[in-house]
Amino acid sequence: MNEYARRERQLLADLLLREGPDAPTLCTGWTTRDLAAHLVVRDRRPDASAGILIPALAAYGERIRLAKAAQAYPELIGEVRQPPVWSPVSNPLTDGLANTMEFFIHHEDVRRAGPQWEPRPLEAGQQAALWRSVKLTCRVALRRLGVPAEVAADGFPPLRTGDHPQVRIAGDAGELALFFSGRQRVARVRIDGDPAVADRLRGAKLGF
């Protein structure tokens, strides 16, 4: 398994156990139990997790997730901690691409749902891994919104999504990952440029 995906998975499992099944998360309407069930279904039930991207399958996927959420909480977290030997998203070939950002973001979904938190310092390798994923997600998000922008992760060359950027969005790679996954209100990024465009970005539906 990828080093950073594996580390974030274990840190998140530890935090889920400490917080218990009823703690809040940044995922609207979901407690820690709901988030854990989502992760297990994503690892183990590709037929159900497809509902995240395919609206026609959303109701089916939610039924599967709710059934999994009814499982005893310690067992549920055990399944979060230890993915199956093979799955579409957790096998050795896809783990880094599919899970490095996924587990970082969901770890922060639990950390930042409380009243007191600070961004965690991330080592350079993890910043680089997150930035590789952010470069994909921000291109999609900004093109969908029709906003030409410069996106700058601290310590890396900036990325431009148009010839004449209206705004510059800057921060460390982890904060940009949160911003472009729809967690703008807790992402510590700086937006310079057209104030109306900046406000639109802060309120836009980003991510999946």
N, C-alpha and C. Protein backbone atom coordinates (compact mmCIF):
# COMPACT_ATOMS: atom_id res chain seq x y z
N MET A 1 0.84 -1.20 0.00
CA MET A 1 0.00 0.00 0.00
C MET A 1 0.87 1.25 0.00
N ASN A 2 0.34 2.34 -0.57
CA ASN A 2 1.05 3.60 -0.60
C ASN A 2 1.30 4.10 0.82
N GLU A 3 2.50 4.65 1.06
CA GLU A 3 2.89 5.06 2.41
C GLU A 3 1.93 6.09 3.00
N TYR A 4 1.59 7.13 2.24
CA TYR A 4 0.78 8.21 2.80
C TYR A 4 -0.68 7.79 2.92
N ALA A 5 -1.18 7.04 1.94
CA ALA A 5 -2.54 6.52 2.05
C ALA A 5 -2.66 5.61 3.27
N ARG A 6 -1.67 4.73 3.46
CA ARG A 6 -1.71 3.81 4.60
C ARG A 6 -1.65 4.58 5.93
N ARG A 7 -0.78 5.58 6.01
CA ARG A 7 -0.64 6.35 7.24
C ARG A 7 -1.93 7.09 7.59
N GLU A 8 -2.52 7.77 6.59
CA GLU A 8 -3.75 8.50 6.86
C GLU A 8 -4.90 7.56 7.22
N ARG A 9 -4.93 6.39 6.61
CA ARG A 9 -5.96 5.39 6.95
C ARG A 9 -5.85 5.01 8.43
N GLN A 10 -4.64 4.75 8.89
CA GLN A 10 -4.46 4.33 10.28
C GLN A 10 -4.74 5.47 11.25
N LEU A 11 -4.29 6.68 10.91
CA LEU A 11 -4.57 7.83 11.77
C LEU A 11 -6.07 8.10 11.85
N LEU A 12 -6.76 7.97 10.74
CA LEU A 12 -8.21 8.18 10.75
C LEU A 12 -8.91 7.10 11.57
N ALA A 13 -8.50 5.85 11.42
CA ALA A 13 -9.11 4.78 12.21
C ALA A 13 -8.91 5.03 13.70
N ASP A 14 -7.71 5.46 14.09
CA ASP A 14 -7.45 5.78 15.50
C ASP A 14 -8.38 6.89 15.98
N LEU A 15 -8.52 7.93 15.16
CA LEU A 15 -9.35 9.07 15.55
C LEU A 15 -10.82 8.68 15.64
N LEU A 16 -11.29 7.88 14.71
CA LEU A 16 -12.68 7.43 14.74
C LEU A 16 -12.98 6.66 16.01
N LEU A 17 -12.05 5.83 16.43
CA LEU A 17 -12.25 5.09 17.69
C LEU A 17 -12.28 6.03 18.88
N ARG A 18 -11.37 7.00 18.92
CA ARG A 18 -11.34 7.94 20.05
C ARG A 18 -12.61 8.79 20.11
N GLU A 19 -13.09 9.22 18.96
CA GLU A 19 -14.25 10.11 18.94
C GLU A 19 -15.55 9.37 19.20
N GLY A 20 -15.60 8.08 18.89
CA GLY A 20 -16.83 7.32 19.06
C GLY A 20 -17.75 7.46 17.86
N PRO A 21 -18.87 6.74 17.85
CA PRO A 21 -19.71 6.65 16.66
C PRO A 21 -20.58 7.86 16.37
N ASP A 22 -20.75 8.75 17.33
CA ASP A 22 -21.74 9.83 17.16
C ASP A 22 -21.13 11.22 17.06
N ALA A 23 -19.84 11.31 16.82
CA ALA A 23 -19.18 12.61 16.71
C ALA A 23 -19.49 13.24 15.36
N PRO A 24 -19.46 14.57 15.29
CA PRO A 24 -19.75 15.24 14.02
C PRO A 24 -18.59 15.12 13.04
N THR A 25 -18.91 15.32 11.78
CA THR A 25 -17.89 15.41 10.72
C THR A 25 -18.26 16.59 9.83
N LEU A 26 -17.38 16.93 8.91
CA LEU A 26 -17.68 17.98 7.95
C LEU A 26 -18.57 17.51 6.82
N CYS A 27 -18.83 16.22 6.73
CA CYS A 27 -19.72 15.67 5.70
C CYS A 27 -21.16 15.89 6.16
N THR A 28 -21.88 16.71 5.46
CA THR A 28 -23.21 17.14 5.89
C THR A 28 -24.11 15.95 6.21
N GLY A 29 -24.62 15.94 7.45
CA GLY A 29 -25.55 14.91 7.87
C GLY A 29 -24.92 13.62 8.34
N TRP A 30 -23.60 13.54 8.28
CA TRP A 30 -22.91 12.30 8.65
C TRP A 30 -22.19 12.44 9.98
N THR A 31 -22.38 11.42 10.82
CA THR A 31 -21.56 11.26 12.02
C THR A 31 -20.32 10.45 11.65
N THR A 32 -19.49 10.22 12.66
CA THR A 32 -18.30 9.38 12.44
C THR A 32 -18.71 7.97 12.01
N ARG A 33 -19.80 7.45 12.54
CA ARG A 33 -20.27 6.12 12.12
C ARG A 33 -20.61 6.13 10.63
N ASP A 34 -21.32 7.16 10.18
CA ASP A 34 -21.69 7.25 8.77
C ASP A 34 -20.47 7.32 7.87
N LEU A 35 -19.48 8.13 8.28
CA LEU A 35 -18.27 8.27 7.48
C LEU A 35 -17.51 6.95 7.42
N ALA A 36 -17.42 6.26 8.55
CA ALA A 36 -16.73 4.97 8.56
C ALA A 36 -17.43 3.98 7.63
N ALA A 37 -18.75 3.95 7.66
CA ALA A 37 -19.50 3.04 6.78
C ALA A 37 -19.24 3.38 5.31
N HIS A 38 -19.19 4.65 4.99
CA HIS A 38 -18.89 5.07 3.61
C HIS A 38 -17.54 4.52 3.16
N LEU A 39 -16.53 4.62 4.03
CA LEU A 39 -15.19 4.17 3.66
C LEU A 39 -15.14 2.66 3.46
N VAL A 40 -15.85 1.93 4.32
CA VAL A 40 -15.86 0.47 4.19
C VAL A 40 -16.56 0.06 2.89
N VAL A 41 -17.70 0.69 2.60
CA VAL A 41 -18.42 0.37 1.36
C VAL A 41 -17.56 0.72 0.15
N ARG A 42 -16.87 1.85 0.22
CA ARG A 42 -16.00 2.24 -0.89
C ARG A 42 -14.91 1.21 -1.13
N ASP A 43 -14.34 0.66 -0.06
CA ASP A 43 -13.31 -0.37 -0.19
C ASP A 43 -13.85 -1.70 -0.68
N ARG A 44 -15.04 -2.07 -0.19
CA ARG A 44 -15.48 -3.46 -0.31
C ARG A 44 -16.68 -3.70 -1.21
N ARG A 45 -17.41 -2.63 -1.57
CA ARG A 45 -18.62 -2.81 -2.37
C ARG A 45 -18.63 -1.84 -3.55
N PRO A 46 -17.84 -2.12 -4.58
CA PRO A 46 -17.83 -1.21 -5.73
C PRO A 46 -19.19 -1.05 -6.38
N ASP A 47 -20.05 -2.08 -6.27
CA ASP A 47 -21.40 -1.96 -6.83
C ASP A 47 -22.19 -0.87 -6.13
N ALA A 48 -21.96 -0.71 -4.82
CA ALA A 48 -22.69 0.30 -4.05
C ALA A 48 -22.02 1.66 -4.12
N SER A 49 -20.69 1.69 -4.08
CA SER A 49 -19.99 2.98 -4.10
C SER A 49 -20.11 3.68 -5.44
N ALA A 50 -20.52 2.97 -6.48
CA ALA A 50 -20.73 3.61 -7.78
C ALA A 50 -21.80 4.69 -7.72
N GLY A 51 -22.68 4.60 -6.72
CA GLY A 51 -23.73 5.60 -6.57
C GLY A 51 -23.20 6.99 -6.27
N ILE A 52 -21.95 7.11 -5.85
CA ILE A 52 -21.34 8.43 -5.62
C ILE A 52 -21.26 9.20 -6.93
N LEU A 53 -21.02 8.49 -8.03
CA LEU A 53 -20.84 9.12 -9.34
C LEU A 53 -22.04 8.93 -10.27
N ILE A 54 -22.84 7.89 -10.03
CA ILE A 54 -23.96 7.58 -10.93
C ILE A 54 -25.27 7.79 -10.16
N PRO A 55 -25.99 8.88 -10.43
CA PRO A 55 -27.20 9.19 -9.66
C PRO A 55 -28.21 8.06 -9.61
N ALA A 56 -28.35 7.29 -10.69
CA ALA A 56 -29.35 6.22 -10.72
C ALA A 56 -29.06 5.14 -9.69
N LEU A 57 -27.81 5.05 -9.24
CA LEU A 57 -27.43 4.02 -8.26
C LEU A 57 -27.31 4.58 -6.84
N ALA A 58 -27.61 5.86 -6.67
CA ALA A 58 -27.38 6.50 -5.37
C ALA A 58 -28.23 5.88 -4.27
N ALA A 59 -29.52 5.62 -4.53
CA ALA A 59 -30.40 5.07 -3.50
C ALA A 59 -29.95 3.67 -3.09
N TYR A 60 -29.56 2.87 -4.07
CA TYR A 60 -29.05 1.53 -3.77
C TYR A 60 -27.79 1.61 -2.92
N GLY A 61 -26.87 2.49 -3.31
CA GLY A 61 -25.64 2.64 -2.54
C GLY A 61 -25.90 3.10 -1.12
N GLU A 62 -26.87 3.98 -0.93
CA GLU A 62 -27.18 4.47 0.41
C GLU A 62 -27.78 3.37 1.27
N ARG A 63 -28.58 2.49 0.69
CA ARG A 63 -29.12 1.36 1.47
C ARG A 63 -27.99 0.46 1.96
N ILE A 64 -27.02 0.21 1.10
CA ILE A 64 -25.89 -0.63 1.49
C ILE A 64 -25.08 0.06 2.59
N ARG A 65 -24.87 1.36 2.45
CA ARG A 65 -24.09 2.10 3.46
C ARG A 65 -24.80 2.10 4.81
N LEU A 66 -26.11 2.29 4.82
CA LEU A 66 -26.85 2.30 6.08
C LEU A 66 -26.82 0.94 6.75
N ALA A 67 -26.88 -0.12 5.95
CA ALA A 67 -26.79 -1.46 6.52
C ALA A 67 -25.41 -1.68 7.14
N LYS A 68 -24.38 -1.21 6.49
CA LYS A 68 -23.04 -1.34 7.04
C LYS A 68 -22.88 -0.50 8.30
N ALA A 69 -23.51 0.68 8.33
CA ALA A 69 -23.40 1.55 9.50
C ALA A 69 -24.03 0.94 10.74
N ALA A 70 -24.94 -0.01 10.56
CA ALA A 70 -25.59 -0.66 11.70
C ALA A 70 -24.69 -1.69 12.38
N GLN A 71 -23.56 -2.00 11.78
CA GLN A 71 -22.61 -2.96 12.34
C GLN A 71 -22.02 -2.42 13.64
N ALA A 72 -21.58 -3.31 14.52
CA ALA A 72 -20.92 -2.88 15.76
C ALA A 72 -19.76 -1.95 15.42
N TYR A 73 -19.66 -0.83 16.12
CA TYR A 73 -18.71 0.22 15.75
C TYR A 73 -17.26 -0.25 15.77
N PRO A 74 -16.79 -0.96 16.80
CA PRO A 74 -15.39 -1.41 16.76
C PRO A 74 -15.08 -2.30 15.55
N GLU A 75 -16.03 -3.15 15.16
CA GLU A 75 -15.82 -3.99 13.99
C GLU A 75 -15.78 -3.14 12.71
N LEU A 76 -16.64 -2.15 12.67
CA LEU A 76 -16.66 -1.25 11.51
C LEU A 76 -15.32 -0.55 11.35
N ILE A 77 -14.77 -0.04 12.45
CA ILE A 77 -13.48 0.66 12.37
C ILE A 77 -12.37 -0.32 12.02
N GLY A 78 -12.49 -1.56 12.48
CA GLY A 78 -11.52 -2.57 12.09
C GLY A 78 -11.49 -2.77 10.58
N GLU A 79 -12.64 -2.68 9.94
CA GLU A 79 -12.70 -2.81 8.48
C GLU A 79 -12.16 -1.56 7.78
N VAL A 80 -12.34 -0.40 8.39
CA VAL A 80 -11.70 0.81 7.85
C VAL A 80 -10.18 0.64 7.90
N ARG A 81 -9.69 0.16 9.04
CA ARG A 81 -8.25 0.05 9.27
C ARG A 81 -7.59 -0.95 8.33
N GLN A 82 -8.27 -2.05 8.05
CA GLN A 82 -7.68 -3.13 7.27
C GLN A 82 -8.53 -3.38 6.02
N PRO A 83 -8.18 -2.80 4.89
CA PRO A 83 -8.98 -3.02 3.67
C PRO A 83 -8.84 -4.46 3.19
N PRO A 84 -9.70 -4.86 2.27
CA PRO A 84 -9.59 -6.23 1.74
C PRO A 84 -8.28 -6.42 1.00
N VAL A 85 -7.93 -7.66 0.78
CA VAL A 85 -6.68 -7.97 0.08
C VAL A 85 -6.65 -7.32 -1.30
N TRP A 86 -7.81 -7.27 -1.94
CA TRP A 86 -7.89 -6.61 -3.24
C TRP A 86 -9.22 -5.90 -3.36
N SER A 87 -9.19 -4.68 -3.85
CA SER A 87 -10.41 -3.97 -4.23
C SER A 87 -10.03 -2.98 -5.31
N PRO A 88 -10.99 -2.46 -6.06
CA PRO A 88 -10.65 -1.51 -7.12
C PRO A 88 -9.90 -0.28 -6.65
N VAL A 89 -10.14 0.15 -5.39
CA VAL A 89 -9.50 1.38 -4.92
C VAL A 89 -8.37 1.15 -3.93
N SER A 90 -8.21 -0.07 -3.44
CA SER A 90 -7.21 -0.30 -2.39
C SER A 90 -6.18 -1.37 -2.75
N ASN A 91 -6.03 -1.64 -4.03
CA ASN A 91 -5.00 -2.60 -4.43
C ASN A 91 -3.68 -1.85 -4.64
N PRO A 92 -2.56 -2.56 -4.70
CA PRO A 92 -1.26 -1.88 -4.80
C PRO A 92 -1.11 -0.94 -5.98
N LEU A 93 -1.84 -1.19 -7.06
CA LEU A 93 -1.71 -0.34 -8.25
C LEU A 93 -2.48 0.97 -8.12
N THR A 94 -3.58 0.98 -7.38
CA THR A 94 -4.44 2.16 -7.32
C THR A 94 -4.42 2.87 -5.98
N ASP A 95 -3.84 2.28 -4.96
CA ASP A 95 -3.95 2.82 -3.61
C ASP A 95 -3.47 4.26 -3.50
N GLY A 96 -2.31 4.56 -4.05
CA GLY A 96 -1.78 5.91 -3.94
C GLY A 96 -2.67 6.93 -4.61
N LEU A 97 -3.08 6.65 -5.84
CA LEU A 97 -3.91 7.60 -6.58
C LEU A 97 -5.29 7.74 -5.96
N ALA A 98 -5.90 6.63 -5.55
CA ALA A 98 -7.28 6.66 -5.08
C ALA A 98 -7.42 7.08 -3.62
N ASN A 99 -6.39 6.83 -2.81
CA ASN A 99 -6.59 6.96 -1.36
C ASN A 99 -5.73 8.00 -0.66
N THR A 100 -4.67 8.48 -1.28
CA THR A 100 -3.82 9.46 -0.59
C THR A 100 -4.62 10.70 -0.21
N MET A 101 -5.36 11.26 -1.16
CA MET A 101 -6.15 12.44 -0.86
C MET A 101 -7.44 12.07 -0.14
N GLU A 102 -8.05 10.97 -0.50
CA GLU A 102 -9.32 10.55 0.11
C GLU A 102 -9.20 10.44 1.63
N PHE A 103 -8.18 9.75 2.10
CA PHE A 103 -8.06 9.54 3.55
C PHE A 103 -7.53 10.78 4.26
N PHE A 104 -6.70 11.57 3.59
CA PHE A 104 -6.30 12.85 4.18
C PHE A 104 -7.53 13.73 4.41
N ILE A 105 -8.37 13.86 3.40
CA ILE A 105 -9.55 14.71 3.51
C ILE A 105 -10.50 14.21 4.59
N HIS A 106 -10.77 12.91 4.61
CA HIS A 106 -11.71 12.41 5.61
C HIS A 106 -11.12 12.45 7.02
N HIS A 107 -9.82 12.33 7.14
CA HIS A 107 -9.18 12.54 8.45
C HIS A 107 -9.46 13.97 8.91
N GLU A 108 -9.30 14.92 8.01
CA GLU A 108 -9.57 16.32 8.36
C GLU A 108 -11.06 16.57 8.57
N ASP A 109 -11.93 15.80 7.89
CA ASP A 109 -13.37 15.93 8.12
C ASP A 109 -13.74 15.70 9.58
N VAL A 110 -13.02 14.80 10.22
CA VAL A 110 -13.27 14.53 11.64
C VAL A 110 -12.51 15.53 12.51
N ARG A 111 -11.24 15.77 12.22
CA ARG A 111 -10.44 16.71 13.02
C ARG A 111 -11.07 18.10 13.07
N ARG A 112 -11.52 18.60 11.91
CA ARG A 112 -11.92 20.00 11.82
C ARG A 112 -13.41 20.21 12.09
N ALA A 113 -14.12 19.16 12.44
CA ALA A 113 -15.54 19.32 12.78
C ALA A 113 -15.73 19.88 14.17
N GLY A 114 -14.70 19.80 15.00
CA GLY A 114 -14.78 20.33 16.36
C GLY A 114 -14.42 21.80 16.42
N PRO A 115 -14.53 22.40 17.59
CA PRO A 115 -14.30 23.85 17.72
C PRO A 115 -12.83 24.25 17.72
N GLN A 116 -11.93 23.34 18.03
CA GLN A 116 -10.52 23.70 18.14
C GLN A 116 -9.68 22.75 17.29
N TRP A 117 -8.97 23.33 16.34
CA TRP A 117 -8.07 22.54 15.51
C TRP A 117 -7.08 23.49 14.85
N GLU A 118 -5.98 22.95 14.44
CA GLU A 118 -4.98 23.65 13.66
C GLU A 118 -4.52 22.72 12.54
N PRO A 119 -4.14 23.27 11.39
CA PRO A 119 -3.61 22.41 10.33
C PRO A 119 -2.41 21.61 10.83
N ARG A 120 -2.30 20.38 10.36
CA ARG A 120 -1.16 19.55 10.73
C ARG A 120 0.02 19.85 9.82
N PRO A 121 1.23 19.85 10.36
CA PRO A 121 2.41 19.95 9.47
C PRO A 121 2.55 18.64 8.69
N LEU A 122 2.73 18.75 7.38
CA LEU A 122 2.87 17.58 6.52
C LEU A 122 4.28 17.54 5.95
N GLU A 123 4.86 16.36 5.88
CA GLU A 123 6.20 16.26 5.32
C GLU A 123 6.16 16.51 3.82
N ALA A 124 7.32 16.79 3.26
CA ALA A 124 7.40 17.22 1.86
C ALA A 124 6.84 16.18 0.90
N GLY A 125 7.10 14.91 1.18
CA GLY A 125 6.61 13.87 0.28
C GLY A 125 5.10 13.81 0.23
N GLN A 126 4.45 13.99 1.38
CA GLN A 126 2.99 13.98 1.40
C GLN A 126 2.43 15.22 0.72
N GLN A 127 3.07 16.37 0.93
CA GLN A 127 2.65 17.58 0.22
C GLN A 127 2.71 17.35 -1.29
N ALA A 128 3.79 16.74 -1.75
CA ALA A 128 3.94 16.50 -3.19
C ALA A 128 2.86 15.55 -3.70
N ALA A 129 2.56 14.50 -2.92
CA ALA A 129 1.54 13.55 -3.34
C ALA A 129 0.17 14.21 -3.41
N LEU A 130 -0.15 15.04 -2.43
CA LEU A 130 -1.43 15.74 -2.44
C LEU A 130 -1.49 16.73 -3.60
N TRP A 131 -0.42 17.44 -3.86
CA TRP A 131 -0.42 18.41 -4.95
C TRP A 131 -0.65 17.74 -6.30
N ARG A 132 -0.12 16.54 -6.49
CA ARG A 132 -0.38 15.82 -7.75
C ARG A 132 -1.88 15.59 -7.93
N SER A 133 -2.57 15.25 -6.85
CA SER A 133 -4.02 15.04 -6.95
C SER A 133 -4.77 16.35 -7.11
N VAL A 134 -4.34 17.38 -6.38
CA VAL A 134 -5.01 18.68 -6.47
C VAL A 134 -4.94 19.22 -7.89
N LYS A 135 -3.84 19.02 -8.58
CA LYS A 135 -3.72 19.55 -9.94
C LYS A 135 -4.79 18.97 -10.86
N LEU A 136 -5.23 17.75 -10.60
CA LEU A 136 -6.31 17.16 -11.38
C LEU A 136 -7.66 17.73 -10.97
N THR A 137 -7.92 17.77 -9.68
CA THR A 137 -9.25 18.20 -9.21
C THR A 137 -9.49 19.68 -9.45
N CYS A 138 -8.46 20.51 -9.31
CA CYS A 138 -8.69 21.94 -9.49
C CYS A 138 -8.95 22.27 -10.95
N ARG A 139 -8.28 21.59 -11.87
CA ARG A 139 -8.54 21.84 -13.29
C ARG A 139 -10.00 21.56 -13.61
N VAL A 140 -10.50 20.43 -13.13
CA VAL A 140 -11.89 20.06 -13.41
C VAL A 140 -12.84 21.08 -12.81
N ALA A 141 -12.62 21.44 -11.54
CA ALA A 141 -13.51 22.36 -10.85
C ALA A 141 -13.52 23.73 -11.50
N LEU A 142 -12.35 24.27 -11.80
CA LEU A 142 -12.28 25.63 -12.34
C LEU A 142 -12.82 25.70 -13.76
N ARG A 143 -12.60 24.68 -14.55
CA ARG A 143 -13.16 24.67 -15.91
C ARG A 143 -14.67 24.54 -15.87
N ARG A 144 -15.18 23.74 -14.95
CA ARG A 144 -16.62 23.60 -14.82
C ARG A 144 -17.27 24.93 -14.44
N LEU A 145 -16.59 25.70 -13.60
CA LEU A 145 -17.11 27.01 -13.18
C LEU A 145 -16.81 28.11 -14.20
N GLY A 146 -15.92 27.83 -15.14
CA GLY A 146 -15.54 28.84 -16.10
C GLY A 146 -14.69 29.94 -15.50
N VAL A 147 -13.85 29.60 -14.54
CA VAL A 147 -13.01 30.57 -13.85
C VAL A 147 -11.55 30.31 -14.19
N PRO A 148 -10.92 31.16 -15.00
CA PRO A 148 -9.48 31.02 -15.21
C PRO A 148 -8.74 31.48 -13.94
N ALA A 149 -7.81 30.69 -13.49
CA ALA A 149 -7.15 30.98 -12.21
C ALA A 149 -5.73 30.47 -12.22
N GLU A 150 -4.96 31.01 -11.29
CA GLU A 150 -3.65 30.46 -10.97
C GLU A 150 -3.77 29.81 -9.60
N VAL A 151 -3.34 28.57 -9.50
CA VAL A 151 -3.38 27.83 -8.24
C VAL A 151 -1.95 27.55 -7.83
N ALA A 152 -1.59 27.99 -6.63
CA ALA A 152 -0.20 27.90 -6.19
C ALA A 152 -0.11 27.18 -4.85
N ALA A 153 0.52 26.01 -4.87
CA ALA A 153 0.80 25.28 -3.63
C ALA A 153 2.17 25.69 -3.14
N ASP A 154 2.28 26.00 -1.87
CA ASP A 154 3.55 26.45 -1.30
C ASP A 154 4.67 25.46 -1.62
N GLY A 155 5.73 25.95 -2.23
CA GLY A 155 6.88 25.11 -2.52
C GLY A 155 6.86 24.43 -3.87
N PHE A 156 5.82 24.68 -4.69
CA PHE A 156 5.71 24.03 -6.00
C PHE A 156 5.42 25.07 -7.07
N PRO A 157 5.79 24.79 -8.33
CA PRO A 157 5.45 25.73 -9.40
C PRO A 157 3.93 25.87 -9.51
N PRO A 158 3.43 27.08 -9.75
CA PRO A 158 1.98 27.28 -9.84
C PRO A 158 1.39 26.65 -11.10
N LEU A 159 0.09 26.44 -11.04
CA LEU A 159 -0.67 25.87 -12.16
C LEU A 159 -1.64 26.94 -12.64
N ARG A 160 -1.73 27.11 -13.96
CA ARG A 160 -2.70 28.05 -14.53
C ARG A 160 -3.76 27.29 -15.32
N THR A 161 -5.01 27.70 -15.16
CA THR A 161 -6.10 27.06 -15.90
C THR A 161 -6.66 27.98 -16.98
N GLY A 162 -5.99 29.06 -17.28
CA GLY A 162 -6.39 29.95 -18.37
C GLY A 162 -5.29 30.95 -18.64
N ASP A 163 -5.38 31.63 -19.78
CA ASP A 163 -4.33 32.59 -20.15
C ASP A 163 -4.38 33.85 -19.31
N HIS A 164 -5.56 34.21 -18.82
CA HIS A 164 -5.72 35.46 -18.08
C HIS A 164 -6.45 35.18 -16.76
N PRO A 165 -5.72 34.71 -15.75
CA PRO A 165 -6.35 34.34 -14.48
C PRO A 165 -7.10 35.52 -13.84
N GLN A 166 -8.28 35.23 -13.34
CA GLN A 166 -9.06 36.23 -12.62
C GLN A 166 -8.70 36.27 -11.14
N VAL A 167 -8.20 35.15 -10.64
CA VAL A 167 -7.82 35.06 -9.22
C VAL A 167 -6.59 34.18 -9.08
N ARG A 168 -5.93 34.33 -7.95
CA ARG A 168 -4.83 33.46 -7.57
C ARG A 168 -5.22 32.80 -6.25
N ILE A 169 -5.23 31.46 -6.23
CA ILE A 169 -5.62 30.69 -5.06
C ILE A 169 -4.35 30.02 -4.53
N ALA A 170 -3.97 30.33 -3.30
CA ALA A 170 -2.68 29.86 -2.79
C ALA A 170 -2.82 29.31 -1.38
N GLY A 171 -1.98 28.36 -1.08
CA GLY A 171 -1.93 27.76 0.24
C GLY A 171 -1.06 26.52 0.17
N ASP A 172 -0.93 25.80 1.27
CA ASP A 172 -0.16 24.56 1.15
C ASP A 172 -1.04 23.50 0.50
N ALA A 173 -0.42 22.42 0.05
CA ALA A 173 -1.13 21.43 -0.76
C ALA A 173 -2.30 20.81 -0.01
N GLY A 174 -2.15 20.58 1.28
CA GLY A 174 -3.24 20.00 2.05
C GLY A 174 -4.44 20.91 2.12
N GLU A 175 -4.20 22.20 2.31
CA GLU A 175 -5.31 23.16 2.38
C GLU A 175 -6.00 23.30 1.02
N LEU A 176 -5.22 23.26 -0.06
CA LEU A 176 -5.82 23.30 -1.39
C LEU A 176 -6.63 22.04 -1.68
N ALA A 177 -6.15 20.90 -1.18
CA ALA A 177 -6.92 19.66 -1.33
C ALA A 177 -8.29 19.79 -0.67
N LEU A 178 -8.33 20.36 0.51
CA LEU A 178 -9.60 20.57 1.20
C LEU A 178 -10.47 21.57 0.45
N PHE A 179 -9.87 22.65 -0.01
CA PHE A 179 -10.64 23.68 -0.72
C PHE A 179 -11.32 23.10 -1.95
N PHE A 180 -10.58 22.38 -2.78
CA PHE A 180 -11.14 21.89 -4.03
C PHE A 180 -11.95 20.61 -3.86
N SER A 181 -12.05 20.09 -2.65
CA SER A 181 -12.96 18.98 -2.39
C SER A 181 -14.26 19.47 -1.75
N GLY A 182 -14.45 20.80 -1.69
CA GLY A 182 -15.70 21.35 -1.17
C GLY A 182 -15.66 21.74 0.28
N ARG A 183 -14.48 21.77 0.90
CA ARG A 183 -14.36 22.16 2.31
C ARG A 183 -13.82 23.59 2.42
N GLN A 184 -14.34 24.49 1.60
CA GLN A 184 -13.78 25.84 1.55
C GLN A 184 -13.80 26.54 2.90
N ARG A 185 -14.85 26.32 3.69
CA ARG A 185 -14.98 27.10 4.93
C ARG A 185 -13.91 26.76 5.96
N VAL A 186 -13.27 25.59 5.84
CA VAL A 186 -12.22 25.25 6.80
C VAL A 186 -10.83 25.23 6.16
N ALA A 187 -10.76 25.49 4.86
CA ALA A 187 -9.47 25.44 4.16
C ALA A 187 -8.78 26.79 4.28
N ARG A 188 -7.57 26.79 4.77
CA ARG A 188 -6.83 28.03 4.95
C ARG A 188 -6.04 28.35 3.68
N VAL A 189 -6.75 28.94 2.75
CA VAL A 189 -6.13 29.36 1.49
C VAL A 189 -6.30 30.87 1.35
N ARG A 190 -5.49 31.45 0.47
CA ARG A 190 -5.57 32.87 0.17
C ARG A 190 -6.07 33.03 -1.26
N ILE A 191 -7.06 33.89 -1.45
CA ILE A 191 -7.58 34.15 -2.79
C ILE A 191 -7.40 35.63 -3.09
N ASP A 192 -6.56 35.93 -4.07
CA ASP A 192 -6.30 37.31 -4.49
C ASP A 192 -6.87 37.51 -5.89
N GLY A 193 -7.36 38.71 -6.14
CA GLY A 193 -7.90 39.02 -7.46
C GLY A 193 -9.31 39.55 -7.36
N ASP A 194 -10.12 39.28 -8.37
CA ASP A 194 -11.49 39.80 -8.46
C ASP A 194 -12.30 39.35 -7.24
N PRO A 195 -12.77 40.28 -6.39
CA PRO A 195 -13.50 39.89 -5.17
C PRO A 195 -14.77 39.10 -5.46
N ALA A 196 -15.48 39.43 -6.53
CA ALA A 196 -16.71 38.71 -6.86
C ALA A 196 -16.41 37.26 -7.23
N VAL A 197 -15.33 37.06 -7.97
CA VAL A 197 -14.94 35.69 -8.34
C VAL A 197 -14.49 34.93 -7.10
N ALA A 198 -13.75 35.60 -6.23
CA ALA A 198 -13.30 34.95 -4.99
C ALA A 198 -14.50 34.50 -4.16
N ASP A 199 -15.52 35.36 -4.04
CA ASP A 199 -16.72 35.00 -3.28
C ASP A 199 -17.46 33.83 -3.94
N ARG A 200 -17.49 33.85 -5.26
CA ARG A 200 -18.14 32.74 -5.97
C ARG A 200 -17.43 31.42 -5.70
N LEU A 201 -16.10 31.45 -5.70
CA LEU A 201 -15.35 30.23 -5.43
C LEU A 201 -15.58 29.74 -4.01
N ARG A 202 -15.61 30.65 -3.07
CA ARG A 202 -15.81 30.24 -1.66
C ARG A 202 -17.17 29.60 -1.44
N GLY A 203 -18.16 29.99 -2.26
CA GLY A 203 -19.50 29.43 -2.07
C GLY A 203 -19.89 28.36 -3.06
N ALA A 204 -18.99 28.02 -4.00
CA ALA A 204 -19.32 27.07 -5.06
C ALA A 204 -19.35 25.64 -4.52
N LYS A 205 -20.08 24.79 -5.21
CA LYS A 205 -20.09 23.37 -4.89
C LYS A 205 -18.91 22.73 -5.61
N LEU A 206 -17.86 22.46 -4.88
CA LEU A 206 -16.66 21.88 -5.45
C LEU A 206 -16.56 20.41 -5.04
N GLY A 207 -15.77 19.66 -5.75
CA GLY A 207 -15.63 18.24 -5.43
C GLY A 207 -16.79 17.45 -5.97
N PHE A 208 -16.83 16.15 -5.57
CA PHE A 208 -17.90 15.27 -6.05
C PHE A 208 -19.09 15.34 -5.12
